[in-house]
Amino acid sequence: MKTKSILKLLIVLVFIIFSTEGKSQIQIVSGMEGGTYNQLTHDIQNIIELPIDIFTSEGALDNYQQLMEENGINITFLQYDVLLAEELINPRVKDRIRVLLPLFLDEEIHLIAKNDDKINSLNDLEMKKVGVGAITQGTKVTAQTIKNRTGINWEDVEISSNESIESLMNGDIDAFFYVGGAPISFLQTISDIGLDKIKLVSIKHKKLNDIYTKAKITSGTYTWAKYDVFTYAVPTLMVINISEISDDFKQDVERLYFGIKNNVNKLQTEGHPKWKDVYYENTTINWPYYYIPEKKKTESGK
């Protein structure tokens, strides 16, 4: 019996060793493959000498769900409106989730339609079939917020943003929303369908002015859009789940924090173009921060 007990213990120990081997303490769920969050996370990994495990997801809502599960995921990017929507469901979410960095990125709300005269404004979506993203995407939250605020009655079509362009060209939908930091890799690579077949539509409505920031997607951001588009943007936050974090993990988070903060210039020159739009103050963000003392200036990445 004693031999069997020892054998069982050895098996458990071997399992623990191999199941944790190669895993870092910093595990970031980054978002959809090729999306803005995914590229930003890989940029961070490239400039910081800190082991970081990166996982993809199906979108911002999936990011949130993974962050709240006990699966080792501890950091992610989230749209602020997604966080606020989840707080309405679970008011205690503020006890677990903190804003990691005073570093904000605005994700532009893209509205894509066929290049014809049917849809030229937000109001033209009335009674149309509109792709609003999959249930796992933050785009769906934003589209629903716009619909509720404006009262424009379109038909929601839950479809992944990456699948929307095919549905648009097939006539299954009339337009679709996509929330992401411009330029979005996916939207840059769809020009093979023909530069004259799709367009970006400006979004303007007085009932959106108090919840989203006015933004502009400049001419040439996408090869098929040689014109300025006026729209809105959603603040994006890098957040951390503070539940049951160890002292060792806190040290790694500090290295990550200063690694990003001290290398923003490098990220802006070598990383995704969206790094050039970062800013450090946003009075509209009403959410607690994960506090790291500024007096300890760690030389991150070295």
Protein backbone atom coordinates (compact mmCIF):
# COMPACT_ATOMS: atom_id res chain seq x y z
CA MET A 1 0.00 0.00 0.00
CA LYS A 2 2.81 2.33 0.88
CA THR A 3 4.54 1.64 -2.44
CA LYS A 4 1.31 2.37 -4.33
CA SER A 5 0.84 5.66 -2.46
CA ILE A 6 4.39 6.74 -3.29
CA LEU A 7 3.85 5.80 -6.93
CA LYS A 8 0.65 7.84 -7.10
CA LEU A 9 2.43 10.81 -5.56
CA LEU A 10 5.23 10.56 -8.12
CA ILE A 11 2.72 10.45 -10.95
CA VAL A 12 1.00 13.59 -9.64
CA LEU A 13 4.32 15.40 -9.31
CA VAL A 14 5.37 14.45 -12.84
CA PHE A 15 2.00 15.68 -14.15
CA ILE A 16 2.39 19.01 -12.38
CA ILE A 17 5.93 19.48 -13.67
CA PHE A 18 5.05 18.74 -17.29
CA SER A 19 1.77 20.66 -17.23
CA THR A 20 3.50 23.82 -16.03
CA GLU A 21 6.76 23.40 -17.96
CA GLY A 22 7.29 26.19 -20.45
CA LYS A 23 4.50 28.36 -19.03
CA SER A 24 5.28 31.88 -17.96
CA GLN A 25 3.49 33.73 -15.20
CA ILE A 26 2.39 36.43 -17.65
CA GLN A 27 -0.32 34.95 -19.85
CA ILE A 28 -2.11 37.36 -22.15
CA VAL A 29 -5.18 36.56 -24.22
CA SER A 30 -4.69 38.91 -27.14
CA GLY A 31 -7.77 38.66 -29.31
CA MET A 32 -8.42 37.47 -32.85
CA GLU A 33 -5.51 36.30 -34.98
CA GLY A 34 -4.32 39.24 -37.08
CA GLY A 35 -6.42 41.72 -35.09
CA THR A 36 -5.13 44.88 -33.46
CA TYR A 37 -4.95 43.40 -29.94
CA ASN A 38 -3.02 40.40 -31.24
CA GLN A 39 -0.46 42.58 -33.00
CA LEU A 40 -0.06 44.92 -30.01
CA THR A 41 0.60 41.93 -27.73
CA HIS A 42 3.25 40.50 -30.04
CA ASP A 43 4.88 43.95 -30.18
CA ILE A 44 5.11 43.91 -26.38
CA GLN A 45 6.55 40.40 -26.40
CA ASN A 46 9.21 41.49 -28.91
CA ILE A 47 10.56 44.41 -26.88
CA ILE A 48 10.47 42.98 -23.34
CA GLU A 49 12.84 40.28 -22.10
CA LEU A 50 10.12 38.69 -20.03
CA PRO A 51 8.50 35.32 -20.74
CA ILE A 52 5.01 36.00 -22.05
CA ASP A 53 2.53 33.39 -23.25
CA ILE A 54 0.14 34.75 -25.88
CA PHE A 55 -3.23 33.20 -26.61
CA THR A 56 -5.71 34.16 -29.31
CA SER A 57 -9.45 34.46 -28.80
CA GLU A 58 -12.65 35.06 -30.75
CA GLY A 59 -12.91 38.71 -29.74
CA ALA A 60 -13.19 41.16 -26.85
CA LEU A 61 -16.10 39.39 -25.15
CA ASP A 62 -14.17 36.14 -25.33
CA ASN A 63 -11.19 38.02 -23.84
CA TYR A 64 -13.32 39.04 -20.89
CA GLN A 65 -14.73 35.57 -20.35
CA GLN A 66 -11.29 33.97 -20.42
CA LEU A 67 -9.96 36.60 -18.04
CA MET A 68 -12.69 35.81 -15.51
CA GLU A 69 -12.14 32.05 -15.64
CA GLU A 70 -9.59 30.25 -13.47
CA ASN A 71 -7.44 29.18 -16.39
CA GLY A 72 -4.18 31.06 -15.83
CA ILE A 73 -5.10 33.97 -18.13
CA ASN A 74 -4.40 37.15 -16.19
CA ILE A 75 -4.06 40.05 -18.66
CA THR A 76 -5.92 41.16 -21.77
CA PHE A 77 -7.09 44.10 -23.85
CA LEU A 78 -10.75 45.14 -23.57
CA GLN A 79 -13.02 47.72 -25.10
CA TYR A 80 -14.28 50.01 -22.36
CA ASP A 81 -17.90 49.62 -23.45
CA VAL A 82 -17.54 45.83 -23.10
CA LEU A 83 -16.31 46.28 -19.54
CA LEU A 84 -19.21 48.60 -18.71
CA ALA A 85 -21.72 46.18 -20.23
CA GLU A 86 -20.33 43.33 -18.12
CA GLU A 87 -20.49 45.50 -15.00
CA LEU A 88 -24.24 45.87 -15.52
CA ILE A 89 -24.50 42.09 -15.39
CA ASN A 90 -22.03 41.63 -12.52
CA PRO A 91 -21.49 44.82 -10.44
CA ARG A 92 -18.69 43.12 -8.46
CA VAL A 93 -16.46 42.83 -11.52
CA LYS A 94 -14.59 45.93 -10.26
CA ASP A 95 -13.39 43.84 -7.33
CA ARG A 96 -11.43 41.62 -9.71
CA ILE A 97 -10.51 43.66 -12.78
CA ARG A 98 -8.09 46.60 -12.76
CA VAL A 99 -6.76 48.88 -15.49
CA LEU A 100 -3.10 47.92 -15.79
CA LEU A 101 -1.68 50.93 -17.61
CA PRO A 102 -2.53 54.61 -17.87
CA LEU A 103 -2.15 54.07 -21.61
CA PHE A 104 -5.19 54.32 -23.83
CA LEU A 105 -5.86 53.37 -27.41
CA ASP A 106 -8.96 54.35 -29.34
CA GLU A 107 -10.48 51.73 -31.63
CA GLU A 108 -12.34 53.18 -34.56
CA ILE A 109 -15.86 52.00 -35.38
CA HIS A 110 -15.79 50.91 -39.02
CA LEU A 111 -19.00 50.64 -41.05
CA ILE A 112 -18.43 48.84 -44.36
CA ALA A 113 -20.95 48.62 -47.20
CA LYS A 114 -21.00 47.98 -50.93
CA ASN A 115 -19.84 50.88 -53.02
CA ASP A 116 -23.28 51.95 -54.24
CA ASP A 117 -25.86 54.57 -53.28
CA LYS A 118 -27.92 52.40 -50.91
CA ILE A 119 -26.02 53.08 -47.67
CA ASN A 120 -24.27 56.41 -47.18
CA SER A 121 -25.02 57.11 -43.53
CA LEU A 122 -25.99 55.44 -40.28
CA ASN A 123 -29.67 56.25 -40.88
CA ASP A 124 -29.58 54.28 -44.12
CA LEU A 125 -29.25 51.08 -42.08
CA GLU A 126 -32.97 51.25 -41.24
CA MET A 127 -34.59 47.90 -42.10
CA LYS A 128 -31.33 46.58 -43.57
CA LYS A 129 -29.46 43.38 -42.67
CA VAL A 130 -26.34 44.38 -40.74
CA GLY A 131 -23.44 42.23 -39.60
CA VAL A 132 -22.82 43.03 -35.94
CA GLY A 133 -19.98 40.63 -35.17
CA ALA A 134 -20.07 37.27 -33.46
CA ILE A 135 -21.40 36.87 -29.93
CA THR A 136 -17.79 36.66 -28.69
CA GLN A 137 -16.76 40.02 -30.17
CA GLY A 138 -16.78 43.48 -28.69
CA THR A 139 -18.10 44.70 -32.02
CA LYS A 140 -21.46 43.19 -31.10
CA VAL A 141 -21.60 45.23 -27.86
CA THR A 142 -20.76 48.42 -29.74
CA ALA A 143 -23.27 47.74 -32.53
CA GLN A 144 -26.01 47.03 -29.98
CA THR A 145 -25.15 50.22 -28.09
CA ILE A 146 -25.39 52.25 -31.29
CA LYS A 147 -28.71 50.62 -32.18
CA ASN A 148 -30.20 51.21 -28.73
CA ARG A 149 -28.97 54.81 -28.55
CA THR A 150 -30.05 55.90 -32.03
CA GLY A 151 -33.25 53.87 -32.39
CA ILE A 152 -32.26 52.86 -35.92
CA ASN A 153 -34.04 49.57 -36.54
CA TRP A 154 -31.82 47.29 -38.59
CA GLU A 155 -31.82 43.49 -38.55
CA ASP A 156 -28.91 42.09 -36.54
CA VAL A 157 -26.92 39.36 -38.25
CA GLU A 158 -24.52 37.70 -35.83
CA ILE A 159 -21.51 36.85 -37.92
CA SER A 160 -17.78 36.98 -37.33
CA SER A 161 -16.27 40.18 -38.66
CA ASN A 162 -13.75 38.16 -40.67
CA GLU A 163 -16.62 36.39 -42.45
CA SER A 164 -18.68 39.52 -43.04
CA ILE A 165 -17.00 40.64 -46.25
CA GLU A 166 -18.00 37.43 -48.06
CA SER A 167 -21.58 37.78 -46.81
CA LEU A 168 -21.61 41.40 -47.95
CA MET A 169 -20.43 40.54 -51.45
CA ASN A 170 -22.94 37.66 -51.65
CA GLY A 171 -25.79 39.98 -50.69
CA ASP A 172 -26.56 38.15 -47.45
CA ILE A 173 -26.02 41.38 -45.51
CA ASP A 174 -26.17 45.03 -46.56
CA ALA A 175 -23.37 46.33 -44.33
CA PHE A 176 -21.32 45.36 -41.31
CA PHE A 177 -19.63 46.90 -38.30
CA TYR A 178 -16.05 46.22 -37.28
CA VAL A 179 -14.46 47.79 -34.21
CA GLY A 180 -10.67 47.87 -34.21
CA GLY A 181 -7.66 50.14 -34.21
CA ALA A 182 -7.03 51.38 -37.72
CA PRO A 183 -5.43 50.06 -39.76
CA ILE A 184 -6.95 46.63 -39.16
CA SER A 185 -4.92 43.91 -40.88
CA PHE A 186 -8.03 42.09 -42.07
CA LEU A 187 -9.43 45.19 -43.75
CA GLN A 188 -6.09 45.92 -45.39
CA THR A 189 -6.04 42.55 -47.11
CA ILE A 190 -9.52 42.52 -48.64
CA SER A 191 -8.60 44.78 -51.54
CA ASP A 192 -8.34 41.73 -53.81
CA ILE A 193 -12.13 41.76 -54.10
CA GLY A 194 -11.84 44.97 -56.10
CA LEU A 195 -11.12 48.49 -54.92
CA ASP A 196 -14.39 49.76 -56.37
CA LYS A 197 -16.69 47.24 -54.66
CA ILE A 198 -16.65 48.33 -51.01
CA LYS A 199 -16.57 51.56 -49.04
CA LEU A 200 -16.31 52.95 -45.53
CA VAL A 201 -19.38 54.86 -44.38
CA SER A 202 -19.14 57.82 -42.02
CA ILE A 203 -20.98 57.50 -38.71
CA LYS A 204 -22.54 60.58 -37.16
CA HIS A 205 -25.37 60.83 -34.65
CA LYS A 206 -25.93 63.30 -31.80
CA LYS A 207 -27.02 60.52 -29.43
CA LEU A 208 -23.57 58.92 -29.68
CA ASN A 209 -21.55 62.01 -28.80
CA ASP A 210 -21.66 61.46 -25.04
CA ILE A 211 -20.55 57.83 -25.08
CA TYR A 212 -17.97 57.61 -27.88
CA THR A 213 -15.13 59.85 -28.99
CA LYS A 214 -15.27 61.48 -32.41
CA ALA A 215 -12.60 60.08 -34.71
CA LYS A 216 -11.40 60.15 -38.30
CA ILE A 217 -10.06 57.38 -40.51
CA THR A 218 -7.83 59.30 -42.87
CA SER A 219 -7.63 58.85 -46.60
CA GLY A 220 -5.29 56.03 -47.59
CA THR A 221 -5.48 54.17 -44.28
CA TYR A 222 -6.87 51.40 -46.46
CA THR A 223 -5.89 51.12 -50.12
CA TRP A 224 -9.54 50.94 -51.15
CA ALA A 225 -10.58 54.06 -49.19
CA LYS A 226 -9.01 57.16 -50.70
CA TYR A 227 -11.13 59.56 -48.66
CA ASP A 228 -11.53 60.71 -45.06
CA VAL A 229 -14.20 58.96 -43.00
CA PHE A 230 -15.66 60.52 -39.85
CA THR A 231 -16.73 58.10 -37.18
CA TYR A 232 -16.41 57.37 -33.47
CA ALA A 233 -13.87 55.48 -31.41
CA VAL A 234 -14.07 53.17 -28.39
CA PRO A 235 -11.39 53.46 -25.67
CA THR A 236 -9.35 50.30 -25.24
CA LEU A 237 -7.82 49.31 -21.92
CA MET A 238 -5.14 46.82 -20.92
CA VAL A 239 -6.58 45.12 -17.84
CA ILE A 240 -5.49 42.60 -15.24
CA ASN A 241 -7.35 40.11 -13.05
CA ILE A 242 -6.04 40.64 -9.51
CA SER A 243 -7.66 37.55 -8.00
CA GLU A 244 -5.21 35.34 -6.11
CA ILE A 245 -2.00 36.77 -7.56
CA SER A 246 1.33 35.78 -6.02
CA ASP A 247 4.26 38.02 -5.04
CA ASP A 248 6.33 36.56 -7.89
CA PHE A 249 3.56 37.38 -10.32
CA LYS A 250 3.38 40.94 -9.01
CA GLN A 251 7.10 41.35 -9.77
CA ASP A 252 6.58 40.13 -13.33
CA VAL A 253 3.64 42.51 -13.76
CA GLU A 254 5.86 45.36 -12.59
CA ARG A 255 8.48 44.41 -15.18
CA LEU A 256 5.76 44.27 -17.83
CA TYR A 257 4.34 47.62 -16.74
CA PHE A 258 7.64 49.49 -16.94
CA GLY A 259 8.73 47.54 -19.98
CA ILE A 260 5.79 48.94 -21.91
CA LYS A 261 5.88 52.41 -20.39
CA ASN A 262 9.62 52.90 -20.89
CA ASN A 263 9.58 51.57 -24.45
CA VAL A 264 6.58 53.34 -25.94
CA ASN A 265 8.83 55.23 -28.38
CA LYS A 266 10.30 51.95 -29.60
CA LEU A 267 6.83 50.45 -29.93
CA GLN A 268 5.75 53.47 -31.95
CA THR A 269 8.63 53.09 -34.41
CA GLU A 270 8.76 49.29 -34.67
CA GLY A 271 5.24 48.11 -33.80
CA HIS A 272 1.67 48.44 -35.01
CA PRO A 273 0.80 51.97 -36.25
CA LYS A 274 -1.80 52.24 -33.49
CA TRP A 275 1.01 52.72 -30.93
CA LYS A 276 1.45 56.21 -32.37
CA ASP A 277 -2.00 57.13 -31.06
CA VAL A 278 -1.51 56.17 -27.42
CA TYR A 279 -2.40 58.72 -24.76
CA TYR A 280 -2.15 58.77 -20.97
CA GLU A 281 -5.15 60.65 -19.62
CA ASN A 282 -8.82 59.86 -20.07
CA THR A 283 -11.22 61.47 -17.63
CA THR A 284 -14.13 59.42 -19.00
CA ILE A 285 -12.65 56.14 -17.73
CA ASN A 286 -14.30 55.38 -14.40
CA TRP A 287 -12.49 52.22 -13.35
CA PRO A 288 -9.94 51.35 -10.61
CA TYR A 289 -6.27 51.02 -11.52
CA TYR A 290 -3.68 48.42 -10.65
CA TYR A 291 -1.20 50.59 -8.78
CA ILE A 292 2.56 50.25 -9.28
CA PRO A 293 4.81 52.75 -7.42
CA GLU A 294 6.53 55.07 -9.87
CA LYS A 295 9.55 55.47 -7.58
CA LYS A 296 10.86 52.06 -8.56
CA LYS A 297 12.02 52.62 -12.09
CA THR A 298 12.90 49.13 -13.25
CA GLU A 299 15.03 48.89 -16.35
CA SER A 300 12.64 46.62 -18.19
CA GLY A 301 13.86 44.48 -20.99
CA LYS A 302 17.45 44.47 -19.67
